[in-house]
Amino acid sequence: MGMLKEFKEFAMRGSVIDLAVGVIIGGAFGKITTSLVNDVMMPVIGLALGKINFANLFVALNGESYASIQAAKDAGAPILTYGVFINAIVDFVIVAFALFLFIKALNAMKRKEEAAPAAPAAPRRCRVADGNPRFVEEVRKQGEEMTKHIALILAAVGLCATGTFADEGPAEKAPSEHSVALGFTMTDGNSDTLLGTAGYLFDRKRDEYTLRLALDGAYGENDDEKNTENLKGVAEYRRSVSERVYWLGNLSALYDDIADVDYRVIASVGPGVYLIKNDNSWLGVEVGPAYIAEKVGGESRDEWALRVGERYERQLSATAKLWQSLEYLPLVDDFDDYLLNSEIGIEAAINNSTSIRLIARNTYDSTPAPEHKKSDTTVIAALAYQL
């Protein structure tokens, strides 16, 4: 009987009952949200965009075309069913927004309770927090960071949900790309905010050479205070010497007001080799000298460095591509002083002239300006228009 009594006390605890109620209501709410997305919202959006059925949107990773998802599965082709993913994203955004409204209402009720006259008895306090103000401050900072990242992720997800729609029939693979892009950026480093971005890209590929010209800029304000202002340009030329060997010329320039980089110009040349080179993908690595001229933290300097770089590009299908690059630049006279630049991106066509582009970049400076962080991470979600 003692065990039954203990079980009864455990089952009747407020926390257990609240958990059970939350699980039941959460499951029911999830079904309602899924039905709202799949049966109400997405058909209306699909009709407005030309009778598109989101559940049937997919990309075959082998580059072939199939009439339906089932046909691709029957053929054993690897597929990316991004239409189902879009439905799941919209479902998530609705649930997250509902939770936000609930938490906001709960916080408002708590503020009203705190404004009421205090009871005679002293409130209970956390003993760990009571004697450790640094603990309280750290928890507050972590909470603010988590809130920022959740908001930024939801913004990027919302952009993907409104932009990743496929046209009927794949577009032909173009030998050159000439586009402009506009979008929103998530930054994490010397600036943490939502801001606007603009970019220009010219990418031409021929059997004997490749030429890539890129210009990207970002500007943002928070409460009328500028918190992001940067501009970066890249010119990259590869000239084939043989089927596998090439010469590279690379020139880049950076301005970042928040990181206190007035300018940073890097020029480099050197030989490279294609480790992978076929119709759908290529991977090239190169090494050579680099000249760096910069003004960081109000101090100007010019140095010689060693540049070791690699770039990988893959055409996932006629309408989607993936790329990745890494660049390591240690100074010749001090290998502990170096720059490390990395980038990964994916782009998928919406129709013959518009595509959605997602890019993640990181710049690591082992000797940044005083009172600035070494690492800057930027995630860009943008819509690109082919010129």
Protein backbone atom coordinates (compact mmCIF):
# COMPACT_ATOMS: atom_id res chain seq x y z
CA MET A 1 0.00 0.00 0.00
CA GLY A 2 2.93 2.36 0.66
CA MET A 3 4.07 2.16 -2.97
CA LEU A 4 0.54 2.85 -4.27
CA LYS A 5 0.28 5.86 -1.98
CA GLU A 6 3.61 7.24 -3.25
CA PHE A 7 2.52 6.68 -6.86
CA LYS A 8 -0.77 8.52 -6.20
CA GLU A 9 1.10 11.48 -4.70
CA PHE A 10 3.47 11.52 -7.65
CA ALA A 11 0.69 11.34 -10.26
CA MET A 12 -1.32 14.09 -8.58
CA ARG A 13 1.56 16.57 -8.47
CA GLY A 14 0.81 19.79 -10.29
CA SER A 15 3.88 19.53 -12.52
CA VAL A 16 3.00 16.04 -13.76
CA ILE A 17 -0.61 17.00 -14.51
CA ASP A 18 0.50 20.21 -16.25
CA LEU A 19 2.94 18.19 -18.35
CA ALA A 20 0.24 15.72 -19.38
CA VAL A 21 -2.18 18.50 -20.29
CA GLY A 22 0.54 20.29 -22.25
CA VAL A 23 1.45 17.15 -24.23
CA ILE A 24 -2.21 16.41 -25.10
CA ILE A 25 -3.03 20.00 -26.09
CA GLY A 26 0.27 20.34 -27.94
CA GLY A 27 -0.43 17.22 -30.00
CA ALA A 28 -3.92 18.42 -30.86
CA PHE A 29 -2.63 21.91 -31.73
CA GLY A 30 0.05 20.37 -33.94
CA LYS A 31 -2.59 18.50 -35.95
CA ILE A 32 -4.62 21.70 -36.35
CA THR A 33 -1.54 23.61 -37.51
CA THR A 34 -0.53 20.89 -39.99
CA SER A 35 -4.05 20.83 -41.44
CA LEU A 36 -4.09 24.63 -41.65
CA VAL A 37 -0.81 24.63 -43.57
CA ASN A 38 -1.40 21.65 -45.88
CA ASP A 39 -5.15 21.99 -46.51
CA VAL A 40 -5.78 25.75 -46.35
CA MET A 41 -2.70 27.98 -46.71
CA MET A 42 -0.46 26.14 -49.19
CA PRO A 43 -3.23 25.39 -51.77
CA VAL A 44 -4.17 29.08 -51.79
CA ILE A 45 -0.52 30.16 -52.18
CA GLY A 46 0.01 27.52 -54.85
CA LEU A 47 -3.05 28.73 -56.78
CA ALA A 48 -1.82 32.33 -56.62
CA LEU A 49 1.59 31.24 -58.00
CA GLY A 50 0.17 29.30 -60.96
CA LYS A 51 -1.46 26.15 -59.54
CA ILE A 52 1.72 24.84 -57.90
CA ASN A 53 1.37 21.77 -55.68
CA PHE A 54 4.04 22.24 -53.03
CA ALA A 55 3.97 18.57 -52.02
CA ASN A 56 5.24 17.68 -55.52
CA LEU A 57 8.17 20.13 -55.61
CA PHE A 58 11.50 18.33 -55.70
CA VAL A 59 14.99 18.35 -57.24
CA ALA A 60 16.65 15.19 -58.56
CA LEU A 61 20.28 15.27 -57.42
CA ASN A 62 21.45 13.10 -60.33
CA GLY A 63 20.51 15.84 -62.83
CA GLU A 64 17.73 13.86 -64.54
CA SER A 65 14.11 14.98 -64.94
CA TYR A 66 11.16 12.98 -63.59
CA ALA A 67 7.43 13.53 -63.89
CA SER A 68 6.79 13.10 -60.15
CA ILE A 69 8.41 12.27 -56.82
CA GLN A 70 7.12 8.72 -57.04
CA ALA A 71 8.65 8.29 -60.51
CA ALA A 72 12.01 9.49 -59.19
CA LYS A 73 11.78 7.10 -56.23
CA ASP A 74 10.85 4.20 -58.52
CA ALA A 75 13.93 4.98 -60.61
CA GLY A 76 16.07 4.97 -57.46
CA ALA A 77 17.17 8.57 -57.96
CA PRO A 78 18.34 10.67 -54.96
CA ILE A 79 15.87 13.53 -54.58
CA LEU A 80 15.55 16.69 -52.52
CA THR A 81 11.85 17.14 -51.65
CA TYR A 82 12.01 20.79 -50.74
CA GLY A 83 8.25 21.29 -51.20
CA VAL A 84 7.52 19.13 -48.15
CA PHE A 85 10.26 21.03 -46.33
CA ILE A 86 8.55 24.35 -47.15
CA ASN A 87 5.31 23.02 -45.65
CA ALA A 88 7.20 22.01 -42.50
CA ILE A 89 8.84 25.46 -42.28
CA VAL A 90 5.49 27.25 -42.50
CA ASP A 91 4.13 24.84 -39.88
CA PHE A 92 7.07 25.66 -37.60
CA VAL A 93 6.71 29.43 -38.07
CA ILE A 94 3.01 29.26 -37.10
CA VAL A 95 3.73 27.19 -33.98
CA ALA A 96 6.65 29.47 -33.02
CA PHE A 97 4.46 32.56 -33.46
CA ALA A 98 1.71 31.03 -31.33
CA LEU A 99 4.24 30.24 -28.58
CA PHE A 100 5.56 33.79 -28.84
CA LEU A 101 2.06 35.22 -28.30
CA PHE A 102 1.49 32.86 -25.37
CA ILE A 103 4.80 33.76 -23.68
CA LYS A 104 4.17 37.46 -24.31
CA ALA A 105 0.75 37.22 -22.63
CA LEU A 106 2.26 35.26 -19.74
CA ASN A 107 4.99 37.87 -19.24
CA ALA A 108 2.36 40.62 -19.23
CA MET A 109 0.43 38.77 -16.51
CA LYS A 110 3.63 38.38 -14.48
CA ARG A 111 4.38 42.09 -14.76
CA LYS A 112 0.90 42.87 -13.42
CA GLU A 113 1.47 40.50 -10.51
CA GLU A 114 4.82 42.12 -9.72
CA ALA A 115 3.18 45.55 -9.76
CA ALA A 116 0.64 44.41 -7.10
CA PRO A 117 1.41 45.02 -3.36
CA ALA A 118 3.94 42.55 -2.06
CA ALA A 119 2.79 39.88 0.37
CA PRO A 120 4.18 39.98 3.93
CA ALA A 121 6.18 36.81 3.40
CA ALA A 122 9.48 37.23 1.61
CA PRO A 123 9.58 35.54 -1.81
CA ARG A 124 11.75 32.50 -2.29
CA ARG A 125 14.99 33.15 -4.13
CA CYS A 126 17.44 30.99 -5.96
CA ARG A 127 20.38 30.36 -3.62
CA VAL A 128 22.82 29.97 -6.50
CA ALA A 129 21.76 33.27 -8.06
CA ASP A 130 21.54 35.00 -4.67
CA GLY A 131 25.23 34.72 -3.99
CA ASN A 132 26.48 34.84 -7.54
CA PRO A 133 25.58 38.03 -9.47
CA ARG A 134 27.89 36.96 -12.32
CA PHE A 135 25.73 33.84 -12.75
CA VAL A 136 22.61 36.00 -13.08
CA GLU A 137 24.29 38.30 -15.59
CA GLU A 138 25.51 35.35 -17.67
CA VAL A 139 22.03 33.79 -17.75
CA ARG A 140 20.57 37.13 -18.86
CA LYS A 141 23.12 37.48 -21.66
CA GLN A 142 22.56 33.91 -22.85
CA GLY A 143 18.80 34.53 -22.90
CA GLU A 144 19.24 37.65 -25.01
CA GLU A 145 21.55 35.83 -27.44
CA MET A 146 19.08 32.94 -27.77
CA THR A 147 16.22 35.36 -28.46
CA LYS A 148 18.25 37.12 -31.17
CA HIS A 149 19.22 33.90 -32.88
CA ILE A 150 15.65 32.54 -32.82
CA ALA A 151 14.36 35.76 -34.37
CA LEU A 152 17.07 35.73 -37.03
CA ILE A 153 16.50 32.09 -37.90
CA LEU A 154 12.75 32.68 -38.20
CA ALA A 155 13.41 35.63 -40.53
CA ALA A 156 15.64 33.51 -42.78
CA VAL A 157 13.13 30.67 -42.71
CA GLY A 158 10.33 33.06 -43.60
CA LEU A 159 12.29 34.30 -46.61
CA CYS A 160 12.93 30.73 -47.77
CA ALA A 161 9.26 29.86 -47.31
CA THR A 162 8.18 32.73 -49.57
CA GLY A 163 10.92 32.33 -52.15
CA THR A 164 11.68 28.67 -52.89
CA PHE A 165 9.09 27.87 -55.54
CA ALA A 166 10.03 25.91 -58.65
CA ASP A 167 8.97 26.72 -62.18
CA GLU A 168 7.36 24.11 -64.40
CA GLY A 169 10.24 22.33 -66.11
CA PRO A 170 13.95 22.82 -65.36
CA ALA A 171 15.87 25.77 -66.75
CA GLU A 172 18.84 25.07 -68.98
CA LYS A 173 22.26 25.27 -67.40
CA ALA A 174 23.87 28.57 -68.44
CA PRO A 175 27.64 28.85 -69.13
CA SER A 176 27.66 32.27 -67.48
CA GLU A 177 25.86 33.93 -64.61
CA HIS A 178 25.17 37.66 -64.46
CA SER A 179 22.91 38.58 -61.54
CA VAL A 180 22.00 41.04 -58.83
CA ALA A 181 20.67 39.96 -55.42
CA LEU A 182 18.73 41.61 -52.62
CA GLY A 183 17.92 40.12 -49.25
CA PHE A 184 18.22 40.05 -45.49
CA THR A 185 21.30 39.15 -43.52
CA MET A 186 21.92 37.50 -40.16
CA THR A 187 25.23 38.54 -38.61
CA ASP A 188 26.89 37.06 -35.54
CA GLY A 189 30.13 38.61 -34.33
CA ASN A 190 30.97 42.29 -34.18
CA SER A 191 27.35 43.02 -35.14
CA ASP A 192 24.16 41.12 -34.24
CA THR A 193 21.14 42.37 -36.12
CA LEU A 194 18.80 42.15 -39.07
CA LEU A 195 19.90 44.25 -42.00
CA GLY A 196 19.63 44.70 -45.76
CA THR A 197 22.11 43.42 -48.32
CA ALA A 198 22.78 43.87 -52.02
CA GLY A 199 25.07 41.91 -54.28
CA TYR A 200 26.33 41.70 -57.85
CA LEU A 201 27.84 38.59 -59.48
CA PHE A 202 29.39 37.91 -62.87
CA ASP A 203 30.60 34.32 -63.28
CA ARG A 204 31.78 33.11 -66.68
CA LYS A 205 33.08 29.60 -67.35
CA ARG A 206 34.91 28.54 -70.48
CA ASP A 207 37.06 25.52 -71.28
CA GLU A 208 40.25 27.58 -71.15
CA TYR A 209 39.40 30.00 -68.32
CA THR A 210 36.95 31.05 -65.59
CA LEU A 211 36.26 34.61 -64.45
CA ARG A 212 34.32 35.59 -61.35
CA LEU A 213 33.53 39.18 -60.31
CA ALA A 214 31.53 39.71 -57.11
CA LEU A 215 30.51 42.76 -55.10
CA ASP A 216 28.51 42.54 -51.84
CA GLY A 217 27.43 45.23 -49.40
CA ALA A 218 25.38 45.42 -46.22
CA TYR A 219 23.99 48.28 -44.17
CA GLY A 220 21.87 48.24 -41.01
CA GLU A 221 20.62 50.43 -38.21
CA ASN A 222 19.16 49.70 -34.80
CA ASP A 223 17.24 52.46 -33.01
CA ASP A 224 18.66 55.00 -35.50
CA GLU A 225 22.18 53.86 -34.68
CA LYS A 226 24.31 52.33 -37.42
CA ASN A 227 25.44 48.85 -36.46
CA THR A 228 26.45 47.37 -39.83
CA GLU A 229 28.24 48.87 -42.80
CA ASN A 230 30.49 46.79 -45.01
CA LEU A 231 31.45 46.33 -48.64
CA LYS A 232 33.49 43.53 -50.23
CA GLY A 233 34.64 43.02 -53.81
CA VAL A 234 36.37 40.00 -55.38
CA ALA A 235 37.92 39.45 -58.81
CA GLU A 236 39.14 35.91 -59.54
CA TYR A 237 40.62 34.58 -62.78
CA ARG A 238 41.72 31.00 -63.52
CA ARG A 239 43.59 30.19 -66.73
CA SER A 240 44.03 26.55 -67.66
CA VAL A 241 47.54 25.38 -68.55
CA SER A 242 46.51 21.77 -69.04
CA GLU A 243 43.51 19.64 -68.25
CA ARG A 244 44.32 19.68 -64.52
CA VAL A 245 46.74 22.59 -63.95
CA TYR A 246 45.87 26.29 -63.99
CA TRP A 247 47.15 29.71 -62.94
CA LEU A 248 45.12 31.83 -60.52
CA GLY A 249 44.97 35.59 -60.12
CA ASN A 250 42.91 36.87 -57.17
CA LEU A 251 42.18 40.41 -55.98
CA SER A 252 39.86 41.25 -53.08
CA ALA A 253 39.01 44.43 -51.16
CA LEU A 254 37.10 44.82 -47.88
CA TYR A 255 35.64 47.73 -45.92
CA ASP A 256 33.94 47.07 -42.56
CA ASP A 257 33.11 50.05 -40.35
CA ILE A 258 31.90 47.94 -37.41
CA ALA A 259 35.07 45.81 -37.34
CA ASP A 260 37.12 49.04 -37.71
CA VAL A 261 38.59 47.92 -41.04
CA ASP A 262 39.02 51.07 -43.14
CA TYR A 263 40.36 48.93 -45.99
CA ARG A 264 41.96 45.56 -46.60
CA VAL A 265 43.26 44.78 -50.09
CA ILE A 266 44.68 41.34 -50.91
CA ALA A 267 46.35 40.50 -54.23
CA SER A 268 47.69 37.04 -54.97
CA VAL A 269 48.84 34.84 -57.86
CA GLY A 270 49.91 31.25 -58.00
CA PRO A 271 49.54 27.83 -59.58
CA GLY A 272 46.62 25.55 -58.90
CA VAL A 273 45.47 22.03 -59.68
CA TYR A 274 42.01 20.55 -60.20
CA LEU A 275 41.63 17.55 -57.91
CA ILE A 276 38.13 17.02 -59.34
CA LYS A 277 36.96 18.21 -62.74
CA ASN A 278 33.95 16.92 -64.64
CA ASP A 279 30.72 18.20 -66.18
CA ASN A 280 28.92 18.59 -62.81
CA SER A 281 31.63 19.54 -60.30
CA TRP A 282 35.17 20.71 -59.78
CA LEU A 283 37.57 21.13 -56.85
CA GLY A 284 40.66 23.28 -57.20
CA VAL A 285 43.49 24.00 -54.75
CA GLU A 286 46.14 26.67 -55.17
CA VAL A 287 49.12 28.12 -53.34
CA GLY A 288 51.19 31.25 -53.89
CA PRO A 289 52.37 34.58 -52.52
CA ALA A 290 49.94 37.31 -51.48
CA TYR A 291 50.34 41.01 -50.77
CA ILE A 292 48.13 42.50 -48.03
CA ALA A 293 47.62 46.25 -47.56
CA GLU A 294 45.24 47.23 -44.78
CA LYS A 295 44.22 49.85 -42.26
CA VAL A 296 42.72 48.22 -39.16
CA GLY A 297 42.06 50.00 -35.88
CA GLY A 298 43.53 53.21 -37.29
CA GLU A 299 46.90 51.57 -38.03
CA SER A 300 48.11 51.02 -41.59
CA ARG A 301 50.40 48.21 -42.66
CA ASP A 302 51.40 46.23 -45.74
CA GLU A 303 52.74 42.70 -45.51
CA TRP A 304 53.63 39.69 -47.61
CA ALA A 305 51.76 36.52 -46.88
CA LEU A 306 51.41 32.96 -48.10
CA ARG A 307 48.03 32.15 -49.63
CA VAL A 308 46.64 28.61 -49.57
CA GLY A 309 43.16 28.34 -51.01
CA GLU A 310 40.60 25.89 -52.34
CA ARG A 311 37.21 26.17 -54.04
CA TYR A 312 34.59 23.53 -54.77
CA GLU A 313 31.55 23.91 -57.00
CA ARG A 314 28.87 21.35 -57.85
CA GLN A 315 25.91 21.61 -60.20
CA LEU A 316 23.26 19.66 -58.28
CA SER A 317 20.83 19.86 -61.20
CA ALA A 318 20.00 22.16 -64.09
CA THR A 319 18.39 24.55 -61.58
CA ALA A 320 20.46 24.16 -58.39
CA LYS A 321 24.13 24.50 -57.46
CA LEU A 322 26.39 24.35 -54.39
CA TRP A 323 29.77 25.96 -53.72
CA GLN A 324 32.36 26.19 -50.94
CA SER A 325 35.67 28.01 -50.55
CA LEU A 326 38.46 28.35 -47.97
CA GLU A 327 41.39 30.77 -47.89
CA TYR A 328 44.30 30.74 -45.40
CA LEU A 329 46.68 33.74 -45.33
CA PRO A 330 49.51 33.61 -42.75
CA LEU A 331 52.11 36.41 -42.79
CA VAL A 332 55.49 35.31 -44.10
CA ASP A 333 57.41 36.66 -41.08
CA ASP A 334 54.85 35.58 -38.44
CA PHE A 335 52.63 32.54 -39.04
CA ASP A 336 50.72 33.32 -35.82
CA ASP A 337 49.31 36.41 -37.55
CA TYR A 338 46.88 35.19 -40.19
CA LEU A 339 43.50 35.57 -41.89
CA LEU A 340 41.10 32.70 -42.51
CA ASN A 341 38.19 33.28 -44.91
CA SER A 342 35.54 30.64 -45.60
CA GLU A 343 32.25 30.51 -47.48
CA ILE A 344 29.55 27.98 -48.34
CA GLY A 345 26.45 28.62 -50.41
CA ILE A 346 23.57 27.06 -52.29
CA GLU A 347 21.32 28.49 -54.99
CA ALA A 348 18.11 27.11 -56.51
CA ALA A 349 16.07 28.53 -59.38
CA ILE A 350 12.53 29.73 -58.83
CA ASN A 351 12.01 30.29 -62.56
CA ASN A 352 14.16 31.12 -65.58
CA SER A 353 15.15 34.56 -64.26
CA THR A 354 14.93 34.38 -60.45
CA SER A 355 16.58 32.18 -57.85
CA ILE A 356 16.94 32.00 -54.10
CA ARG A 357 20.46 32.15 -52.68
CA LEU A 358 21.69 31.18 -49.19
CA ILE A 359 25.30 31.97 -48.21
CA ALA A 360 27.23 31.52 -44.96
CA ARG A 361 30.57 33.36 -44.58
CA ASN A 362 33.17 33.61 -41.85
CA THR A 363 36.20 35.87 -41.55
CA TYR A 364 38.71 35.10 -38.80
CA ASP A 365 41.43 37.67 -38.03
CA SER A 366 43.97 36.49 -35.48
CA THR A 367 44.91 40.13 -34.73
CA PRO A 368 41.71 42.21 -34.94
CA ALA A 369 41.33 45.86 -34.06
CA PRO A 370 41.45 46.61 -30.31
CA GLU A 371 38.27 45.65 -28.44
CA HIS A 372 36.92 43.77 -31.44
CA LYS A 373 36.23 40.07 -31.91
CA LYS A 374 38.41 37.82 -34.01
CA SER A 375 35.56 36.06 -35.81
CA ASP A 376 32.73 37.52 -37.91
CA THR A 377 30.01 35.19 -39.23
CA THR A 378 27.43 36.29 -41.78
CA VAL A 379 24.45 34.34 -43.14
CA ILE A 380 22.71 35.85 -46.18
CA ALA A 381 19.36 34.77 -47.62
CA ALA A 382 18.57 36.66 -50.82
CA LEU A 383 16.61 36.60 -54.04
CA ALA A 384 18.83 36.83 -57.14
CA TYR A 385 17.67 38.14 -60.51
CA GLN A 386 19.51 37.12 -63.69
CA LEU A 387 20.46 40.06 -65.91
